[in-house]
Structure formats: structure tokens, C-alpha cells
C-alpha atoms as a PDB file:
ATOM      1  CA  MET A   1       4.596 -32.600  23.459  1.00  0.00           C
ATOM      2  CA  PRO A   2       1.044 -32.519  22.071  1.00  0.00           C
ATOM      3  CA  ARG A   3      -1.790 -33.094  24.502  1.00  0.00           C
ATOM      4  CA  SER A   4      -4.199 -35.519  22.815  1.00  0.00           C
ATOM      5  CA  LYS A   5      -3.332 -39.197  22.499  1.00  0.00           C
ATOM      6  CA  GLU A   6      -3.914 -39.088  18.747  1.00  0.00           C
ATOM      7  CA  ASP A   7      -1.507 -36.174  18.315  1.00  0.00           C
ATOM      8  CA  GLN A   8       1.089 -37.873  20.526  1.00  0.00           C
ATOM      9  CA  ILE A   9       1.000 -40.960  18.291  1.00  0.00           C
ATOM     10  CA  LEU A  10       1.339 -38.814  15.175  1.00  0.00           C
ATOM     11  CA  TYR A  11       4.136 -36.765  16.760  1.00  0.00           C
ATOM     12  CA  LYS A  12       6.090 -39.958  17.456  1.00  0.00           C
ATOM     13  CA  ARG A  13       5.454 -41.140  13.900  1.00  0.00           C
ATOM     14  CA  PHE A  14       6.848 -37.898  12.477  1.00  0.00           C
ATOM     15  CA  ARG A  15       9.881 -38.101  14.745  1.00  0.00           C
ATOM     16  CA  ASP A  16      10.493 -41.697  13.608  1.00  0.00           C
ATOM     17  CA  LEU A  17      10.288 -40.651   9.947  1.00  0.00           C
ATOM     18  CA  GLY A  18      12.770 -37.845  10.598  1.00  0.00           C
ATOM     19  CA  ASN A  19      15.142 -40.277  12.309  1.00  0.00           C
ATOM     20  CA  MET A  20      14.821 -42.767   9.462  1.00  0.00           C
ATOM     21  CA  ALA A  21      15.656 -40.124   6.863  1.00  0.00           C
ATOM     22  CA  TYR A  22      18.723 -39.010   8.824  1.00  0.00           C
ATOM     23  CA  GLN A  23      20.088 -42.452   9.718  1.00  0.00           C
ATOM     24  CA  ARG A  24      19.528 -44.085   6.312  1.00  0.00           C
ATOM     25  CA  GLY A  25      20.324 -41.039   4.210  1.00  0.00           C
ATOM     26  CA  ILE A  26      17.076 -41.308   2.226  1.00  0.00           C
ATOM     27  CA  CYS A  27      13.872 -39.352   1.689  1.00  0.00           C
ATOM     28  CA  VAL A  28      10.780 -40.814   3.341  1.00  0.00           C
ATOM     29  CA  TYR A  29       7.180 -39.709   2.963  1.00  0.00           C
ATOM     30  CA  SER A  30       4.133 -39.341   5.176  1.00  0.00           C
ATOM     31  CA  ASP A  31       0.520 -39.859   4.194  1.00  0.00           C
ATOM     32  CA  PHE A  32      -1.556 -36.761   3.426  1.00  0.00           C
ATOM     33  CA  VAL A  33      -1.744 -34.504   6.469  1.00  0.00           C
ATOM     34  CA  THR A  34      -3.785 -31.467   7.458  1.00  0.00           C
ATOM     35  CA  ILE A  35      -2.415 -27.996   8.156  1.00  0.00           C
ATOM     36  CA  THR A  36      -2.527 -28.740  11.890  1.00  0.00           C
ATOM     37  CA  GLN A  37      -0.580 -31.964  11.412  1.00  0.00           C
ATOM     38  CA  GLN A  38       2.012 -30.177   9.278  1.00  0.00           C
ATOM     39  CA  GLU A  39       2.723 -27.923  12.244  1.00  0.00           C
ATOM     40  CA  LEU A  40       3.027 -31.009  14.458  1.00  0.00           C
ATOM     41  CA  ALA A  41       5.661 -32.416  12.094  1.00  0.00           C
ATOM     42  CA  CYS A  42       7.659 -29.188  12.390  1.00  0.00           C
ATOM     43  CA  GLN A  43       7.580 -29.511  16.178  1.00  0.00           C
ATOM     44  CA  ALA A  44       8.763 -33.132  15.995  1.00  0.00           C
ATOM     45  CA  LEU A  45      11.686 -32.236  13.720  1.00  0.00           C
ATOM     46  CA  ALA A  46      12.596 -29.248  15.884  1.00  0.00           C
ATOM     47  CA  GLU A  47      13.218 -31.756  18.676  1.00  0.00           C
ATOM     48  CA  LEU A  48      15.600 -33.711  16.425  1.00  0.00           C
ATOM     49  CA  TYR A  49      17.340 -30.548  15.177  1.00  0.00           C
ATOM     50  CA  PRO A  50      17.238 -28.177  18.203  1.00  0.00           C
ATOM     51  CA  ASP A  51      19.824 -25.786  16.746  1.00  0.00           C
ATOM     52  CA  THR A  52      18.124 -25.439  13.365  1.00  0.00           C
ATOM     53  CA  HIS A  53      15.823 -22.548  12.488  1.00  0.00           C
ATOM     54  CA  ALA A  54      12.262 -23.626  11.644  1.00  0.00           C
ATOM     55  CA  GLU A  55      12.605 -22.564   8.002  1.00  0.00           C
ATOM     56  CA  GLN A  56      15.769 -24.674   7.631  1.00  0.00           C
ATOM     57  CA  LEU A  57      14.356 -27.954   8.966  1.00  0.00           C
ATOM     58  CA  PRO A  58      14.859 -30.865   6.511  1.00  0.00           C
ATOM     59  CA  LEU A  59      11.149 -31.081   5.748  1.00  0.00           C
ATOM     60  CA  TYR A  60       9.252 -30.297   2.565  1.00  0.00           C
ATOM     61  CA  SER A  61       5.561 -30.575   1.752  1.00  0.00           C
ATOM     62  CA  TYR A  62       3.565 -30.870  -1.457  1.00  0.00           C
ATOM     63  CA  GLY A  63      -0.055 -31.659  -2.229  1.00  0.00           C
ATOM     64  CA  GLY A  64      -0.092 -31.964  -6.015  1.00  0.00           C
ATOM     65  CA  TYR A  65      -0.550 -28.262  -6.756  1.00  0.00           C
ATOM     66  CA  GLU A  66       0.815 -25.057  -5.296  1.00  0.00           C
ATOM     67  CA  GLU A  67      -2.012 -24.029  -2.962  1.00  0.00           C
ATOM     68  CA  ALA A  68      -2.980 -27.462  -1.629  1.00  0.00           C
ATOM     69  CA  ASP A  69      -4.155 -27.693   1.976  1.00  0.00           C
ATOM     70  CA  ARG A  70      -3.705 -31.430   2.474  1.00  0.00           C
ATOM     71  CA  ARG A  71      -0.087 -32.349   1.765  1.00  0.00           C
ATOM     72  CA  VAL A  72       2.396 -35.206   1.819  1.00  0.00           C
ATOM     73  CA  LEU A  73       5.497 -34.496   3.903  1.00  0.00           C
ATOM     74  CA  MET A  74       8.984 -35.368   2.705  1.00  0.00           C
ATOM     75  CA  PHE A  75      11.498 -36.009   5.499  1.00  0.00           C
ATOM     76  CA  MET A  76      15.041 -35.857   4.161  1.00  0.00           C
ATOM     77  CA  PRO A  77      18.689 -35.862   5.220  1.00  0.00           C
ATOM     78  CA  PRO A  78      19.894 -32.259   5.733  1.00  0.00           C
ATOM     79  CA  GLU A  79      22.260 -32.527   2.761  1.00  0.00           C
ATOM     80  CA  TYR A  80      19.270 -33.055   0.420  1.00  0.00           C
ATOM     81  CA  MET A  81      17.770 -29.650   1.191  1.00  0.00           C
ATOM     82  CA  ASN A  82      18.793 -28.093  -2.124  1.00  0.00           C
ATOM     83  CA  ARG A  83      18.024 -31.149  -4.257  1.00  0.00           C
ATOM     84  CA  ILE A  84      14.300 -31.618  -3.760  1.00  0.00           C
ATOM     85  CA  SER A  85      11.640 -31.587  -6.465  1.00  0.00           C
ATOM     86  CA  ASP A  86       7.853 -31.791  -6.505  1.00  0.00           C
ATOM     87  CA  THR A  87       8.129 -34.656  -9.005  1.00  0.00           C
ATOM     88  CA  GLN A  88       9.657 -36.868  -6.298  1.00  0.00           C
ATOM     89  CA  PHE A  89       6.396 -37.056  -4.363  1.00  0.00           C
ATOM     90  CA  PRO A  90       4.256 -40.228  -4.638  1.00  0.00           C
ATOM     91  CA  ILE A  91       1.140 -38.262  -5.575  1.00  0.00           C
ATOM     92  CA  SER A  92      -1.305 -38.898  -8.407  1.00  0.00           C
ATOM     93  CA  CYS A  93      -4.212 -36.834  -9.711  1.00  0.00           C
ATOM     94  CA  ILE A  94      -7.326 -38.600 -10.976  1.00  0.00           C
ATOM     95  CA  ARG A  95      -9.725 -36.667 -13.203  1.00  0.00           C
ATOM     96  CA  ILE A  96     -13.327 -37.822 -12.820  1.00  0.00           C
ATOM     97  CA  ALA A  97     -15.824 -36.612 -15.426  1.00  0.00           C
ATOM     98  CA  PRO A  98     -19.364 -37.650 -16.430  1.00  0.00           C
ATOM     99  CA  VAL A  99     -19.576 -39.950 -19.433  1.00  0.00           C
ATOM    100  CA  ASN A 100     -22.467 -37.844 -20.705  1.00  0.00           C
ATOM    101  CA  ARG A 101     -22.409 -34.168 -19.706  1.00  0.00           C
ATOM    102  CA  LYS A 102     -26.125 -33.868 -20.429  1.00  0.00           C
ATOM    103  CA  PHE A 103     -26.995 -36.278 -17.628  1.00  0.00           C
ATOM    104  CA  GLY A 104     -24.265 -35.284 -15.189  1.00  0.00           C
ATOM    105  CA  GLU A 105     -25.429 -34.217 -11.728  1.00  0.00           C
ATOM    106  CA  ALA A 106     -24.109 -31.161  -9.907  1.00  0.00           C
ATOM    107  CA  LEU A 107     -21.658 -33.253  -7.895  1.00  0.00           C
ATOM    108  CA  THR A 108     -19.922 -31.675  -4.906  1.00  0.00           C
ATOM    109  CA  HIS A 109     -16.709 -32.208  -2.946  1.00  0.00           C
ATOM    110  CA  ARG A 110     -18.692 -34.322  -0.486  1.00  0.00           C
ATOM    111  CA  ASP A 111     -19.980 -36.589  -3.282  1.00  0.00           C
ATOM    112  CA  TYR A 112     -16.477 -37.316  -4.596  1.00  0.00           C
ATOM    113  CA  LEU A 113     -14.980 -37.816  -1.139  1.00  0.00           C
ATOM    114  CA  GLY A 114     -17.802 -40.074   0.053  1.00  0.00           C
ATOM    115  CA  THR A 115     -17.618 -42.276  -3.027  1.00  0.00           C
ATOM    116  CA  VAL A 116     -13.833 -42.627  -2.932  1.00  0.00           C
ATOM    117  CA  MET A 117     -13.783 -43.452   0.772  1.00  0.00           C
ATOM    118  CA  GLY A 118     -16.606 -45.907   0.148  1.00  0.00           C
ATOM    119  CA  MET A 119     -14.140 -47.857  -2.011  1.00  0.00           C
ATOM    120  CA  GLY A 120     -12.041 -48.546   1.078  1.00  0.00           C
ATOM    121  CA  LEU A 121      -9.543 -45.671   1.055  1.00  0.00           C
ATOM    122  CA  GLU A 122      -8.615 -43.995   4.326  1.00  0.00           C
ATOM    123  CA  ARG A 123      -8.793 -40.204   4.551  1.00  0.00           C
ATOM    124  CA  ASP A 124      -5.012 -39.898   4.866  1.00  0.00           C
ATOM    125  CA  GLN A 125      -4.598 -41.560   1.454  1.00  0.00           C
ATOM    126  CA  ILE A 126      -6.564 -38.744  -0.170  1.00  0.00           C
ATOM    127  CA  GLY A 127      -5.426 -35.159  -0.623  1.00  0.00           C
ATOM    128  CA  ASP A 128      -7.441 -32.183  -1.811  1.00  0.00           C
ATOM    129  CA  ILE A 129     -10.435 -32.693  -4.072  1.00  0.00           C
ATOM    130  CA  LEU A 130     -11.028 -29.924  -6.590  1.00  0.00           C
ATOM    131  CA  VAL A 131     -14.343 -29.514  -8.401  1.00  0.00           C
ATOM    132  CA  ARG A 132     -15.114 -27.181 -11.274  1.00  0.00           C
ATOM    133  CA  MET A 133     -17.547 -26.853 -14.157  1.00  0.00           C
ATOM    134  CA  GLU A 134     -16.081 -27.765 -17.540  1.00  0.00           C
ATOM    135  CA  GLY A 135     -17.469 -27.710 -21.059  1.00  0.00           C
ATOM    136  CA  PRO A 136     -19.130 -25.171 -23.345  1.00  0.00           C
ATOM    137  CA  GLU A 137     -21.607 -22.667 -21.951  1.00  0.00           C
ATOM    138  CA  GLY A 138     -25.010 -24.250 -21.554  1.00  0.00           C
ATOM    139  CA  ALA A 139     -23.578 -27.772 -21.631  1.00  0.00           C
ATOM    140  CA  SER A 140     -21.022 -27.725 -18.833  1.00  0.00           C
ATOM    141  CA  ALA A 141     -20.786 -30.373 -16.112  1.00  0.00           C
ATOM    142  CA  ALA A 142     -19.032 -30.888 -12.787  1.00  0.00           C
ATOM    143  CA  VAL A 143     -15.585 -32.475 -13.083  1.00  0.00           C
ATOM    144  CA  GLY A 144     -13.592 -33.588 -10.064  1.00  0.00           C
ATOM    145  CA  TYR A 145      -9.837 -33.858  -9.537  1.00  0.00           C
ATOM    146  CA  VAL A 146      -8.863 -36.211  -6.719  1.00  0.00           C
ATOM    147  CA  PHE A 147      -5.298 -36.179  -5.395  1.00  0.00           C
ATOM    148  CA  CYS A 148      -4.206 -39.465  -3.849  1.00  0.00           C
ATOM    149  CA  LYS A 149      -1.148 -41.482  -2.874  1.00  0.00           C
ATOM    150  CA  SER A 150       0.222 -43.116  -6.028  1.00  0.00           C
ATOM    151  CA  ASN A 151      -0.301 -46.624  -4.655  1.00  0.00           C
ATOM    152  CA  MET A 152      -4.056 -45.896  -4.480  1.00  0.00           C
ATOM    153  CA  GLU A 153      -4.267 -44.686  -8.078  1.00  0.00           C
ATOM    154  CA  SER A 154      -5.387 -47.994  -9.621  1.00  0.00           C
ATOM    155  CA  LEU A 155      -8.247 -48.362  -7.130  1.00  0.00           C
ATOM    156  CA  ILE A 156      -9.737 -44.937  -7.868  1.00  0.00           C
ATOM    157  CA  LEU A 157      -9.378 -45.529 -11.611  1.00  0.00           C
ATOM    158  CA  GLU A 158     -11.923 -48.354 -11.231  1.00  0.00           C
ATOM    159  CA  LEU A 159     -14.589 -45.857 -10.199  1.00  0.00           C
ATOM    160  CA  ASP A 160     -17.519 -45.781 -12.639  1.00  0.00           C
ATOM    161  CA  ARG A 161     -20.365 -44.082 -10.781  1.00  0.00           C
ATOM    162  CA  ILE A 162     -20.923 -41.229  -8.335  1.00  0.00           C
ATOM    163  CA  ARG A 163     -24.463 -40.963  -7.028  1.00  0.00           C
ATOM    164  CA  HIS A 164     -26.551 -41.504 -10.193  1.00  0.00           C
ATOM    165  CA  THR A 165     -23.909 -40.226 -12.611  1.00  0.00           C
ATOM    166  CA  THR A 166     -21.869 -42.628 -14.734  1.00  0.00           C
ATOM    167  CA  VAL A 167     -18.298 -41.356 -14.797  1.00  0.00           C
ATOM    168  CA  LYS A 168     -14.994 -41.992 -16.533  1.00  0.00           C
ATOM    169  CA  THR A 169     -11.598 -41.638 -14.903  1.00  0.00           C
ATOM    170  CA  GLU A 170      -8.072 -40.903 -16.041  1.00  0.00           C
ATOM    171  CA  CYS A 171      -4.769 -40.178 -14.352  1.00  0.00           C
ATOM    172  CA  ILE A 172      -3.349 -36.849 -15.490  1.00  0.00           C
ATOM    173  CA  PRO A 173       0.202 -35.513 -15.031  1.00  0.00           C
ATOM    174  CA  LEU A 174       0.319 -32.984 -12.214  1.00  0.00           C
ATOM    175  CA  ASN A 175       1.893 -30.378 -14.470  1.00  0.00           C
ATOM    176  CA  GLN A 176      -1.116 -30.575 -16.802  1.00  0.00           C
ATOM    177  CA  LEU A 177      -3.585 -29.455 -14.151  1.00  0.00           C
ATOM    178  CA  HIS A 178      -4.116 -25.758 -14.703  1.00  0.00           C
ATOM    179  CA  TRP A 179      -6.169 -24.718 -11.717  1.00  0.00           C
ATOM    180  CA  GLU A 180      -7.303 -21.112 -11.490  1.00  0.00           C
ATOM    181  CA  GLN A 181      -8.262 -20.348  -7.914  1.00  0.00           C
ATOM    182  CA  LYS A 182     -11.330 -18.139  -7.523  1.00  0.00           C
ATOM    183  CA  TYR A 183     -11.612 -15.509  -4.825  1.00  0.00           C
ATOM    184  CA  LYS A 184     -14.118 -13.193  -3.228  1.00  0.00           C
ATOM    185  CA  ASP A 185     -12.617  -9.772  -2.553  1.00  0.00           C
ATOM    186  CA  ILE A 186     -13.174  -8.304   0.910  1.00  0.00           C
ATOM    187  CA  SER A 187     -12.029  -4.754   1.578  1.00  0.00           C
ATOM    188  CA  GLY A 188     -11.686  -2.704   4.721  1.00  0.00           C
ATOM    189  CA  SER A 189      -9.406  -0.384   6.631  1.00  0.00           C
ATOM    190  CA  VAL A 190      -7.157  -0.964   9.633  1.00  0.00           C
ATOM    191  CA  THR A 191      -4.835   1.178  11.717  1.00  0.00           C
ATOM    192  CA  THR A 192      -2.042  -1.363  11.213  1.00  0.00           C
ATOM    193  CA  PRO A 193      -1.875  -4.685   9.305  1.00  0.00           C
ATOM    194  CA  ARG A 194      -1.770  -6.774  12.488  1.00  0.00           C
ATOM    195  CA  LEU A 195      -3.272 -10.245  12.450  1.00  0.00           C
ATOM    196  CA  ASP A 196      -6.135  -9.391  14.812  1.00  0.00           C
ATOM    197  CA  ALA A 197      -7.120  -6.316  12.796  1.00  0.00           C
ATOM    198  CA  VAL A 198      -6.970  -8.064   9.417  1.00  0.00           C
ATOM    199  CA  LEU A 199      -8.856 -11.053  10.827  1.00  0.00           C
ATOM    200  CA  SER A 200     -11.757  -8.797  11.842  1.00  0.00           C
ATOM    201  CA  VAL A 201     -12.007  -7.568   8.252  1.00  0.00           C
ATOM    202  CA  ALA A 202     -11.688 -11.042   6.717  1.00  0.00           C
ATOM    203  CA  ILE A 203     -14.318 -12.889   8.740  1.00  0.00           C
ATOM    204  CA  ARG A 204     -16.451  -9.890   9.731  1.00  0.00           C
ATOM    205  CA  THR A 205     -16.216 -10.555  13.433  1.00  0.00           C
ATOM    206  CA  SER A 206     -15.470  -8.533  16.544  1.00  0.00           C
ATOM    207  CA  ARG A 207     -11.920  -8.050  17.755  1.00  0.00           C
ATOM    208  CA  THR A 208     -12.777 -10.035  20.897  1.00  0.00           C
ATOM    209  CA  GLN A 209     -13.973 -13.037  18.884  1.00  0.00           C
ATOM    210  CA  GLY A 210     -10.936 -12.779  16.636  1.00  0.00           C
ATOM    211  CA  LEU A 211      -8.585 -12.744  19.615  1.00  0.00           C
ATOM    212  CA  GLN A 212     -10.241 -15.875  20.973  1.00  0.00           C
ATOM    213  CA  LEU A 213      -9.712 -17.690  17.664  1.00  0.00           C
ATOM    214  CA  ILE A 214      -6.038 -16.704  17.766  1.00  0.00           C
ATOM    215  CA  ARG A 215      -5.549 -17.763  21.399  1.00  0.00           C
ATOM    216  CA  ASP A 216      -7.265 -21.113  20.752  1.00  0.00           C
ATOM    217  CA  GLY A 217      -4.766 -21.958  17.997  1.00  0.00           C
ATOM    218  CA  ASN A 218      -7.315 -21.743  15.186  1.00  0.00           C
ATOM    219  CA  ILE A 219      -5.261 -19.449  12.943  1.00  0.00           C
ATOM    220  CA  TYR A 220      -2.531 -20.559  10.541  1.00  0.00           C
ATOM    221  CA  ILE A 221      -0.274 -18.202   8.608  1.00  0.00           C
ATOM    222  CA  ASN A 222       1.354 -19.826   5.573  1.00  0.00           C
ATOM    223  CA  GLY A 223       0.709 -23.257   7.091  1.00  0.00           C
ATOM    224  CA  LYS A 224       2.045 -22.493  10.575  1.00  0.00           C
ATOM    225  CA  CYS A 225      -0.083 -22.000  13.687  1.00  0.00           C
ATOM    226  CA  CYS A 226       0.035 -18.409  14.929  1.00  0.00           C
ATOM    227  CA  THR A 227      -1.056 -17.360  18.416  1.00  0.00           C
ATOM    228  CA  GLU A 228       0.484 -13.883  18.209  1.00  0.00           C
ATOM    229  CA  ASN A 229      -2.346 -11.405  17.716  1.00  0.00           C
ATOM    230  CA  ALA A 230       0.071  -8.527  17.009  1.00  0.00           C
ATOM    231  CA  LYS A 231       1.882 -10.347  14.196  1.00  0.00           C
ATOM    232  CA  LEU A 232       2.286  -8.023  11.203  1.00  0.00           C
ATOM    233  CA  LEU A 233       1.081  -9.559   7.957  1.00  0.00           C
ATOM    234  CA  ARG A 234       2.885  -9.235   4.660  1.00  0.00           C
ATOM    235  CA  GLU A 235       1.578  -9.030   1.117  1.00  0.00           C
ATOM    236  CA  GLY A 236       0.587 -12.505  -0.091  1.00  0.00           C
ATOM    237  CA  ASP A 237       0.360 -14.171   3.337  1.00  0.00           C
ATOM    238  CA  ILE A 238      -2.149 -17.052   3.406  1.00  0.00           C
ATOM    239  CA  ILE A 239      -4.423 -17.047   6.458  1.00  0.00           C
ATOM    240  CA  SER A 240      -6.332 -20.240   7.296  1.00  0.00           C
ATOM    241  CA  VAL A 241      -9.070 -19.866   9.911  1.00  0.00           C
ATOM    242  CA  ARG A 242     -10.487 -23.083  11.291  1.00  0.00           C
ATOM    243  CA  GLY A 243     -14.246 -23.097  10.763  1.00  0.00           C
ATOM    244  CA  TYR A 244     -14.182 -20.095   8.405  1.00  0.00           C
ATOM    245  CA  GLY A 245     -11.947 -20.842   5.438  1.00  0.00           C
ATOM    246  CA  LYS A 246      -8.789 -19.592   3.778  1.00  0.00           C
ATOM    247  CA  TYR A 247      -7.777 -16.045   2.834  1.00  0.00           C
ATOM    248  CA  ARG A 248      -4.944 -14.240   1.037  1.00  0.00           C
ATOM    249  CA  PHE A 249      -3.831 -10.886   2.429  1.00  0.00           C
ATOM    250  CA  ARG A 250      -3.439  -8.055  -0.066  1.00  0.00           C
ATOM    251  CA  GLN A 251      -2.299  -4.725   1.338  1.00  0.00           C
ATOM    252  CA  THR A 252      -2.969  -1.819  -0.994  1.00  0.00           C
ATOM    253  CA  GLY A 253      -0.542   0.514   0.739  1.00  0.00           C
ATOM    254  CA  VAL A 254      -2.988   3.408   0.335  1.00  0.00           C
ATOM    255  CA  ARG A 255      -3.604   5.336   3.551  1.00  0.00           C
ATOM    256  CA  SER A 256      -6.590   7.495   4.395  1.00  0.00           C
ATOM    257  CA  LYS A 257      -6.424  11.049   5.707  1.00  0.00           C
ATOM    258  CA  LYS A 258      -6.782   9.591   9.191  1.00  0.00           C
ATOM    259  CA  GLY A 259      -3.758   7.371   8.640  1.00  0.00           C
ATOM    260  CA  ARG A 260      -5.632   4.068   8.254  1.00  0.00           C
ATOM    261  CA  TYR A 261      -4.507   1.438   5.741  1.00  0.00           C
ATOM    262  CA  HIS A 262      -6.927   0.369   3.030  1.00  0.00           C
ATOM    263  CA  ILE A 263      -6.543  -3.403   2.687  1.00  0.00           C
ATOM    264  CA  MET A 264      -7.896  -6.177   0.500  1.00  0.00           C
ATOM    265  CA  VAL A 265      -8.404  -9.758   1.665  1.00  0.00           C
ATOM    266  CA  GLN A 266      -9.173 -12.469  -0.895  1.00  0.00           C
ATOM    267  CA  GLN A 267     -11.377 -15.294   0.339  1.00  0.00           C
ATOM    268  CA  TYR A 268     -10.889 -18.663  -1.360  1.00  0.00           C
ATOM    269  CA  ILE A 269     -14.143 -19.920  -2.915  1.00  0.00           C
END
């Protein structure tokens, strides 16, 4: 069982949702949850299905796009495992753009989040918020994409101003959002692609500091908490480091004369 009172309440909520899905034979959904809370849901379901491997638990998550951090969880009857679809999730995406690009401010994630929550939405009703510059060179402006629970869509669509910028809103189909993630490449060499070694390259820290982050439960591999410093990473693994950011592991496979692996880590920016 989780230690904090807040996590205990959430754990019980996840267990109740899992029970409801099983007993009623329906899919039920959570609010948006963090990576840490996603792991908590896995623990709750593991209690309900003690003989089921973690990867086979009747639980699926989606945040509106493939690499979302904040996600809605779908609890389902075991027989639904092969019949799930992203389109079943009650998630909407609201595009928020300045009415006049010329007068649009350089709005940030914090600006969008603060304004939306100021309208009365709770944080668990809001997923990721993506911000990018759109428009022709020399006349581009910040445009935000806010993922939310579908029942909150109409409220966000009423938004008409962020800071001093007059904005317009529209709900766009999730499959029409073509988001190209940007990365910063970080290279280095390690004796073996273990988590602790790769972590030192990714966040430029000492092995001792990296080990402490791992022991404290601050590292997530593909959405699951990892406290095993010797875990071998595979090509494409996503590493989330609390307080540092998110990284994708790319192993080149090239070895030096001394037998060290040349690796590439992509930092999400």
C-alpha cells in the first residue's frame, strides 16, 4: 500500500474502478493522471489480478497523442483487452491561437495552464499542454493545444483572452494534430547500457547522485517506476527523471577500442 494519505485515497479509487469494470463488464475511465499515479494504478490492479503479469493487466492509458505524459486510464474487463481503441477515450484537444498574430504575446505553458485553471477547471481535468510557434517566418505566433476531458471542452472553448492576447479557440480531431517532438542530442560513452550509467550521461551528474535518484523512486522507464540501477536499457526506452525532464535512449551499437559503447540520449525540449 502507498504511504501518503493522498496516494492511499487514489489507490482505493483505482481499485474501485478496476472492480467496477470487472463486475459490470464495461470500460470505465479515470481523470488525467501523472506518470507516478499511472504506476499506482498498476499496483492497485495487480492486487485485483495477482496471477496476471504486469503487461497483461486490463488497463490502458492514452493522453491524446502518442508521447503524452498526463494520461486518462481505461479500466476494462479482461475480455476487452484486444478490442481497445484510442478513439474510445473521452479526450478533446482545444487549439488556442491569437486572433491577430502581429499582437500575439510569447505565451508559455504556464500562461495557458493558469488561464484554463482560472476558469474553474481542476488539474486532473487537464492533460498535456503543447505550445509551438506557427505561421510564416517573421510573422509566427505562439499557439497552444490543450488536452482536456471531453465534458470540459465547452468551457475551454469560451476562452477569449490569455494575458493581454485576444485568442480564438477550436476543437480539433485528435488525429489531425501532427506534433513533431523536438530533441536535444546528448552523446557519451558507457561500459554497459545500464540505467545508472546512461543516467549519468543524460543529466550530466555523478554516479552517486544518479543512484540516489534511482533509489528515491524518481526514475520512470516507459511510464513505470524503476529502482533497479543495473537495469539494461533498450533502444527507444523513454526515461523520465523527476526534476530533470524526459529522455529517449538511442544506443548506437558502436564500440570503442577500449570496449565502451557510444550512446545517444535525446532530451525532450
